[in-house]
Amino acid sequence: MPQLNTSTWFITIITMLPTLYLIMQLKLLKTTYYFSPSQKASDMQSFNNPWQLKWTKIYLPLSQLHPS
């Protein structure tokens, strides 16, 4: 029964590691990252909502009422 020749395994593994690293770097360069909503431009058209013009009274919760 023939034996397995392992003399080239070291070179194969050593050259595989930088190759995989480069492939992953190239894949990461192609990805697009989306901006978070806070970074969007503020020159978007604003719409007037009916509740923006009304004054609304803010009531305190019951737990914050002063005892009489």
N, C-alpha and C. Protein backbone atom coordinates (compact mmCIF):
# COMPACT_ATOMS: atom_id res chain seq x y z
N MET A 1 0.84 -1.18 0.00
CA MET A 1 0.00 0.00 0.00
C MET A 1 0.89 1.25 0.00
N PRO A 2 0.65 2.21 -0.94
CA PRO A 2 1.54 3.37 -1.01
C PRO A 2 1.26 4.36 0.12
N GLN A 3 2.29 5.04 0.50
CA GLN A 3 2.15 6.05 1.55
C GLN A 3 1.80 7.40 0.95
N LEU A 4 1.14 8.24 1.75
CA LEU A 4 0.73 9.55 1.31
C LEU A 4 1.93 10.50 1.38
N ASN A 5 2.20 11.17 0.30
CA ASN A 5 3.32 12.11 0.25
C ASN A 5 2.85 13.46 0.81
N THR A 6 3.40 13.83 1.95
CA THR A 6 2.99 15.08 2.62
C THR A 6 4.05 16.16 2.51
N SER A 7 5.00 16.02 1.62
CA SER A 7 6.09 16.99 1.53
C SER A 7 5.63 18.36 1.02
N THR A 8 4.58 18.42 0.23
CA THR A 8 4.13 19.71 -0.31
C THR A 8 3.01 20.35 0.50
N TRP A 9 2.56 19.71 1.54
CA TRP A 9 1.47 20.25 2.33
C TRP A 9 1.84 21.58 2.99
N PHE A 10 3.04 21.68 3.49
CA PHE A 10 3.46 22.90 4.18
C PHE A 10 3.41 24.09 3.23
N ILE A 11 3.94 23.94 2.05
CA ILE A 11 3.94 25.03 1.07
C ILE A 11 2.51 25.37 0.65
N THR A 12 1.70 24.36 0.49
CA THR A 12 0.32 24.58 0.09
C THR A 12 -0.44 25.38 1.14
N ILE A 13 -0.27 25.02 2.40
CA ILE A 13 -0.98 25.72 3.48
C ILE A 13 -0.45 27.14 3.64
N ILE A 14 0.85 27.29 3.55
CA ILE A 14 1.44 28.63 3.71
C ILE A 14 1.01 29.56 2.59
N THR A 15 0.89 29.09 1.38
CA THR A 15 0.45 29.96 0.28
C THR A 15 -1.07 30.15 0.28
N MET A 16 -1.80 29.24 0.90
CA MET A 16 -3.25 29.36 0.95
C MET A 16 -3.68 30.49 1.89
N LEU A 17 -2.99 30.69 2.99
CA LEU A 17 -3.38 31.70 3.97
C LEU A 17 -3.34 33.12 3.40
N PRO A 18 -2.27 33.57 2.77
CA PRO A 18 -2.31 34.93 2.19
C PRO A 18 -3.33 35.05 1.06
N THR A 19 -3.52 33.97 0.32
CA THR A 19 -4.49 34.01 -0.77
C THR A 19 -5.90 34.21 -0.22
N LEU A 20 -6.25 33.50 0.82
CA LEU A 20 -7.56 33.67 1.44
C LEU A 20 -7.72 35.06 2.04
N TYR A 21 -6.65 35.58 2.61
CA TYR A 21 -6.69 36.92 3.17
C TYR A 21 -6.96 37.95 2.07
N LEU A 22 -6.28 37.83 0.96
CA LEU A 22 -6.48 38.76 -0.15
C LEU A 22 -7.88 38.65 -0.74
N ILE A 23 -8.38 37.45 -0.85
CA ILE A 23 -9.73 37.27 -1.38
C ILE A 23 -10.76 37.93 -0.47
N MET A 24 -10.59 37.78 0.84
CA MET A 24 -11.53 38.41 1.77
C MET A 24 -11.43 39.93 1.72
N GLN A 25 -10.22 40.46 1.57
CA GLN A 25 -10.07 41.91 1.47
C GLN A 25 -10.74 42.45 0.22
N LEU A 26 -10.60 41.74 -0.89
CA LEU A 26 -11.24 42.18 -2.12
C LEU A 26 -12.76 42.13 -2.02
N LYS A 27 -13.28 41.12 -1.34
CA LYS A 27 -14.72 41.03 -1.15
C LYS A 27 -15.23 42.16 -0.26
N LEU A 28 -14.46 42.52 0.75
CA LEU A 28 -14.88 43.61 1.64
C LEU A 28 -14.83 44.96 0.93
N LEU A 29 -13.93 45.12 -0.01
CA LEU A 29 -13.86 46.37 -0.75
C LEU A 29 -15.08 46.57 -1.64
N LYS A 30 -15.67 45.50 -2.10
CA LYS A 30 -16.82 45.60 -3.00
C LYS A 30 -18.13 45.83 -2.28
N THR A 31 -18.17 45.62 -0.97
CA THR A 31 -19.42 45.77 -0.25
C THR A 31 -19.78 47.24 -0.11
N THR A 32 -21.06 47.54 -0.11
CA THR A 32 -21.52 48.91 0.09
C THR A 32 -22.11 49.02 1.48
N TYR A 33 -21.68 50.03 2.18
CA TYR A 33 -22.17 50.29 3.53
C TYR A 33 -23.17 51.44 3.46
N TYR A 34 -24.34 51.24 4.04
CA TYR A 34 -25.37 52.24 4.01
C TYR A 34 -25.20 53.20 5.17
N PHE A 35 -25.53 54.46 4.93
CA PHE A 35 -25.42 55.46 5.98
C PHE A 35 -26.55 55.28 6.99
N SER A 36 -26.27 55.65 8.22
CA SER A 36 -27.32 55.61 9.22
C SER A 36 -28.27 56.77 8.97
N PRO A 37 -29.50 56.71 9.46
CA PRO A 37 -30.47 57.79 9.19
C PRO A 37 -30.01 59.15 9.70
N SER A 38 -29.18 59.20 10.74
CA SER A 38 -28.75 60.49 11.26
C SER A 38 -27.75 61.16 10.32
N GLN A 39 -27.13 60.44 9.42
CA GLN A 39 -26.14 61.01 8.53
C GLN A 39 -26.73 61.45 7.19
N LYS A 40 -28.02 61.30 6.99
CA LYS A 40 -28.63 61.69 5.73
C LYS A 40 -28.67 63.20 5.63
N ALA A 41 -28.69 63.68 4.43
CA ALA A 41 -28.74 65.12 4.19
C ALA A 41 -30.06 65.68 4.70
N SER A 42 -29.99 66.86 5.29
CA SER A 42 -31.20 67.46 5.86
C SER A 42 -31.92 68.35 4.86
N ASP A 43 -31.52 68.34 3.59
CA ASP A 43 -32.19 69.17 2.61
C ASP A 43 -33.39 68.47 1.98
N MET A 44 -33.88 67.44 2.64
CA MET A 44 -35.05 66.74 2.14
C MET A 44 -36.27 67.63 2.31
N GLN A 45 -37.25 67.43 1.48
CA GLN A 45 -38.46 68.24 1.53
C GLN A 45 -39.25 67.88 2.77
N SER A 46 -39.62 68.90 3.54
CA SER A 46 -40.39 68.64 4.75
C SER A 46 -41.87 68.84 4.46
N PHE A 47 -42.68 67.99 5.03
CA PHE A 47 -44.11 68.03 4.82
C PHE A 47 -44.77 68.60 6.06
N ASN A 48 -45.76 69.42 5.86
CA ASN A 48 -46.49 69.99 7.00
C ASN A 48 -47.54 68.99 7.46
N ASN A 49 -47.42 68.61 8.69
CA ASN A 49 -48.40 67.72 9.30
C ASN A 49 -49.38 68.56 10.09
N PRO A 50 -50.62 68.14 10.20
CA PRO A 50 -51.59 68.96 10.94
C PRO A 50 -51.23 69.13 12.41
N TRP A 51 -50.52 68.20 12.99
CA TRP A 51 -50.21 68.32 14.42
C TRP A 51 -49.01 69.22 14.66
N GLN A 52 -48.29 69.63 13.64
CA GLN A 52 -47.15 70.52 13.86
C GLN A 52 -47.61 71.94 14.19
N LEU A 53 -48.75 72.36 13.71
CA LEU A 53 -49.23 73.71 13.93
C LEU A 53 -50.07 73.84 15.18
N LYS A 54 -50.54 72.75 15.74
CA LYS A 54 -51.41 72.81 16.90
C LYS A 54 -50.58 72.85 18.18
N TRP A 55 -51.13 73.54 19.18
CA TRP A 55 -50.53 73.53 20.50
C TRP A 55 -51.20 72.44 21.31
N THR A 56 -50.42 71.59 21.90
CA THR A 56 -51.01 70.54 22.72
C THR A 56 -50.50 70.68 24.14
N LYS A 57 -51.40 70.50 25.08
CA LYS A 57 -51.03 70.60 26.49
C LYS A 57 -50.42 69.28 26.94
N ILE A 58 -49.32 69.38 27.68
CA ILE A 58 -48.65 68.19 28.19
C ILE A 58 -49.08 68.00 29.64
N TYR A 59 -49.67 66.87 29.93
CA TYR A 59 -50.14 66.57 31.26
C TYR A 59 -49.09 65.76 32.02
N LEU A 60 -48.98 66.02 33.32
CA LEU A 60 -48.08 65.25 34.15
C LEU A 60 -48.71 63.89 34.45
N PRO A 61 -47.89 62.86 34.58
CA PRO A 61 -48.44 61.57 34.99
C PRO A 61 -49.00 61.67 36.41
N LEU A 62 -49.87 60.76 36.75
CA LEU A 62 -50.51 60.80 38.07
C LEU A 62 -49.53 60.66 39.20
N SER A 63 -48.42 59.99 38.96
CA SER A 63 -47.45 59.77 40.04
C SER A 63 -46.69 61.05 40.40
N GLN A 64 -46.75 62.08 39.54
CA GLN A 64 -46.01 63.31 39.82
C GLN A 64 -46.90 64.45 40.30
N LEU A 65 -48.16 64.17 40.62
CA LEU A 65 -49.03 65.22 41.12
C LEU A 65 -48.62 65.64 42.53
N HIS A 66 -48.80 66.92 42.82
CA HIS A 66 -48.46 67.41 44.15
C HIS A 66 -49.60 67.09 45.11
N PRO A 67 -49.29 66.62 46.33
CA PRO A 67 -50.36 66.32 47.28
C PRO A 67 -51.01 67.62 47.76
N SER A 68 -52.32 67.59 47.94
CA SER A 68 -53.00 68.82 48.40
C SER A 68 -53.45 68.70 49.82
